[in-house]
Amino acid sequence: MLEEVESWLTRRSWSAADHPPASVRAAANGTGVSVVLPALNEAATVGDIVATIRRELMERVPLVDELVVIDSGSTDATAEVARRAGARVVHRDAILPRLPAVPGKGEVLWRSLLVTSGDILCFIDADLKDFSADFVSGIVGPLLAHPEVQFVKAMYDRPLGTVAGQGGRVTELVARPLLNLHWPLLAGFVQPLGGEYAVRRSLLERLPFPVGYGVELGLLVDALHTVGLDALAQVDVGVRVHRHQDGQALGRMAAAIYRTAQVRLSRGHLVRPSLTQFERGPDGFVPRTYPVDTQERPPMCEIEEYLARRAA
């Protein structure tokens, strides 16, 4: 590990307990905080997450000013459950309707800038189980307490079933090798692909957003190049328990992440941006080919509707 990264780890790594909600609120000084949950068929978990944030960080300690669930077109009761628990629910397709939405988490996060007002945006995945308010207060805290910090990732243990530390399979097999080889300044991030992070709007609106699985890696790499390592940080929030993807879904995720890295390395194009996987059928193995996410949304500060909204 680079000496610069070792130094960064001592200065820019915290525990959630280092920034308790009450002291963080005192440091806010008028800074608005918006929490965004991208959600697609998460009725089983989204309600508990929303209720916890409302109870702990909006009513008990007024740290969060805005709690928004962006529904990507759920076919279950996600929107109803989230609304009943106390979130404002916005359908992805209702945001920036002149630009047809494409599937993908990054697409939802990008559009969320248009329907939130906070100076800080905190993204939380909607499939978390045993959710703790530390996931929010822990990563928002450094942004409020340290003005020079602009981007904070959560770090945590990720069990796979009952096996500790084995949940981040794409991280360990794809993302971490890519970062260590090509962006060694980011080698100190424990969970570079984690879906829980808080960022200043002033930075987010200047970054392009990969529309799919590559969004976390893309934002992290682009933030490094935009504001430098010392403006990035991470916070230990304990254990993250969520629904795990099957092996083939992980393969598609890995391909999208590799594509995101490749674009940032060369700004070139893959000859064939697709991935073929195999499933066993009644007569043997059947090939299934999936497109790899290749589209990115431009920095939000280039979108006229966003500029008009900020000027209003």
Foldseek 3Di string as FASTA:
>chain_A
DDPVLVVLCVVFEAALVVFDLQNLLVLQVPFAEEEEEEDAQLLVFQLVVLLQCCVVDVPVNVNHDAYEYEYADHPDCNQVSNVVSPHHYHYLCVQPVVDGADDAPLSRVQSVLLVDDGQKYKYDYRFWDPDHCSLPRSQVRCVSVPVLAFKEAEAEWEADVPRIRPQPPLCVPAVLVLCCVPPVSPNNDRCQQDRTMMGGPVLQLQAKAQRHLQRSVRSVVVSCVVRNSSNYHYYYHYYTYGDGDDPVVSVLSRLLNVLSSVCVVPVDDDPAQKDWDWDQDPVGIDIDIDGRRDDIGHRNVVPPSSVVVVVD
